[in-house]
C-alpha atoms as a PDB file:
ATOM      1  CA  MET A   1       7.990 -45.574   7.048  1.00  0.00           C
ATOM      2  CA  ARG A   2       8.375 -41.857   4.780  1.00  0.00           C
ATOM      3  CA  GLN A   3       5.577 -40.064   3.416  1.00  0.00           C
ATOM      4  CA  ALA A   4       5.694 -38.802  -0.127  1.00  0.00           C
ATOM      5  CA  LYS A   5       3.187 -36.804  -1.804  1.00  0.00           C
ATOM      6  CA  PHE A   6       2.658 -37.279  -5.651  1.00  0.00           C
ATOM      7  CA  SER A   7      -0.128 -36.769  -8.504  1.00  0.00           C
ATOM      8  CA  VAL A   8      -1.697 -39.644 -10.536  1.00  0.00           C
ATOM      9  CA  LYS A   9      -3.908 -39.410 -13.230  1.00  0.00           C
ATOM     10  CA  GLU A  10      -7.659 -39.845 -12.764  1.00  0.00           C
ATOM     11  CA  GLU A  11      -7.429 -43.727 -14.165  1.00  0.00           C
ATOM     12  CA  GLN A  12      -4.395 -44.553 -11.799  1.00  0.00           C
ATOM     13  CA  ALA A  13      -6.309 -43.026  -8.900  1.00  0.00           C
ATOM     14  CA  TYR A  14      -9.557 -45.449 -10.021  1.00  0.00           C
ATOM     15  CA  PHE A  15      -6.968 -48.087  -9.960  1.00  0.00           C
ATOM     16  CA  LEU A  16      -5.217 -47.463  -6.771  1.00  0.00           C
ATOM     17  CA  ASN A  17      -8.640 -47.312  -5.066  1.00  0.00           C
ATOM     18  CA  SER A  18      -9.332 -50.879  -6.247  1.00  0.00           C
ATOM     19  CA  PHE A  19      -6.365 -52.352  -3.779  1.00  0.00           C
ATOM     20  CA  LYS A  20      -9.042 -54.382  -2.163  1.00  0.00           C
ATOM     21  CA  ALA A  21      -9.718 -56.561  -5.218  1.00  0.00           C
ATOM     22  CA  TYR A  22      -6.320 -57.071  -5.814  1.00  0.00           C
ATOM     23  CA  GLY A  23      -5.607 -58.422  -1.898  1.00  0.00           C
ATOM     24  CA  PHE A  24      -3.747 -55.313  -0.673  1.00  0.00           C
ATOM     25  CA  LYS A  25      -4.581 -53.735   2.947  1.00  0.00           C
ATOM     26  CA  ASP A  26      -4.438 -50.379   1.447  1.00  0.00           C
ATOM     27  CA  LYS A  27      -3.516 -48.231  -1.589  1.00  0.00           C
ATOM     28  CA  SER A  28       0.212 -47.573   0.105  1.00  0.00           C
ATOM     29  CA  SER A  29       1.082 -51.003   0.034  1.00  0.00           C
ATOM     30  CA  MET A  30      -0.280 -51.191  -3.456  1.00  0.00           C
ATOM     31  CA  LEU A  31       1.931 -48.595  -4.706  1.00  0.00           C
ATOM     32  CA  ARG A  32       4.846 -49.686  -2.771  1.00  0.00           C
ATOM     33  CA  THR A  33       4.336 -53.229  -4.228  1.00  0.00           C
ATOM     34  CA  ALA A  34       4.164 -51.564  -7.916  1.00  0.00           C
ATOM     35  CA  ILE A  35       7.214 -49.667  -7.236  1.00  0.00           C
ATOM     36  CA  ASP A  36       9.490 -52.907  -6.071  1.00  0.00           C
ATOM     37  CA  HIS A  37       8.349 -54.454  -9.026  1.00  0.00           C
ATOM     38  CA  PHE A  38       9.199 -51.756 -11.209  1.00  0.00           C
ATOM     39  CA  LYS A  39      12.232 -51.276  -9.767  1.00  0.00           C
ATOM     40  CA  ASN A  40      13.157 -55.041  -9.978  1.00  0.00           C
ATOM     41  CA  LYS A  41      12.300 -54.673 -13.582  1.00  0.00           C
ATOM     42  CA  LEU A  42      14.194 -52.176 -14.370  1.00  0.00           C
ATOM     43  CA  GLU A  43      17.472 -54.007 -12.457  1.00  0.00           C
ATOM     44  CA  LEU A  44      16.769 -57.059 -14.613  1.00  0.00           C
ATOM     45  CA  GLU A  45      16.899 -55.194 -17.567  1.00  0.00           C
ATOM     46  CA  ASN A  46      20.185 -53.685 -16.314  1.00  0.00           C
ATOM     47  CA  LEU A  47      21.680 -57.093 -15.433  1.00  0.00           C
ATOM     48  CA  ARG A  48      20.418 -58.377 -19.208  1.00  0.00           C
ATOM     49  CA  LYS A  49      22.335 -55.497 -21.147  1.00  0.00           C
ATOM     50  CA  SER A  50      25.449 -56.204 -19.118  1.00  0.00           C
ATOM     51  CA  ALA A  51      25.389 -59.535 -19.709  1.00  0.00           C
ATOM     52  CA  GLU A  52      24.956 -59.091 -23.263  1.00  0.00           C
ATOM     53  CA  LEU A  53      27.954 -56.558 -23.523  1.00  0.00           C
ATOM     54  CA  TYR A  54      30.383 -58.886 -21.460  1.00  0.00           C
ATOM     55  CA  SER A  55      29.428 -61.899 -23.906  1.00  0.00           C
ATOM     56  CA  GLU A  56      29.843 -59.603 -26.866  1.00  0.00           C
ATOM     57  CA  ILE A  57      33.231 -58.703 -25.377  1.00  0.00           C
ATOM     58  CA  TYR A  58      34.268 -61.943 -24.455  1.00  0.00           C
ATOM     59  CA  SER A  59      33.324 -63.466 -28.349  1.00  0.00           C
ATOM     60  CA  GLU A  60      35.427 -60.945 -30.073  1.00  0.00           C
ATOM     61  CA  ASN A  61      38.259 -61.034 -27.887  1.00  0.00           C
ATOM     62  CA  ASP A  62      40.393 -64.070 -28.081  1.00  0.00           C
ATOM     63  CA  ASN A  63      42.891 -63.485 -25.423  1.00  0.00           C
ATOM     64  CA  LEU A  64      39.954 -63.458 -22.831  1.00  0.00           C
ATOM     65  CA  ARG A  65      38.316 -66.508 -24.132  1.00  0.00           C
ATOM     66  CA  GLU A  66      42.347 -68.567 -23.845  1.00  0.00           C
ATOM     67  CA  LEU A  67      42.403 -67.226 -20.253  1.00  0.00           C
ATOM     68  CA  THR A  68      39.444 -68.222 -19.593  1.00  0.00           C
ATOM     69  CA  GLU A  69      40.107 -71.855 -20.819  1.00  0.00           C
ATOM     70  CA  THR A  70      43.338 -71.893 -19.204  1.00  0.00           C
ATOM     71  CA  ALA A  71      41.540 -70.823 -15.992  1.00  0.00           C
ATOM     72  CA  ILE A  72      38.885 -73.849 -16.038  1.00  0.00           C
ATOM     73  CA  THR A  73      41.478 -76.541 -16.943  1.00  0.00           C
ATOM     74  CA  GLY A  74      41.742 -79.125 -14.337  1.00  0.00           C
ATOM     75  CA  TRP A  75      38.300 -78.372 -12.921  1.00  0.00           C
ATOM     76  CA  PRO A  76      35.562 -80.957 -12.465  1.00  0.00           C
ATOM     77  CA  GLU A  77      33.550 -81.122 -15.278  1.00  0.00           C
END
């Protein structure tokens, strides 16, 4: 596993030092989990924005809606 050196605020260091109280084996595993959680949150937000954009484009484009309806004709309900 790669190592990285970084700085944290005093209250963040205090929080990291309480890793056992949150069920982590060490500060590194707690930080890795936090980074993964934040990454997932950002990716989900990007996906949500993308879906909203596609929805907006779809709702404003008659040709696209017609094409979609044609494509699903005959598919089981």
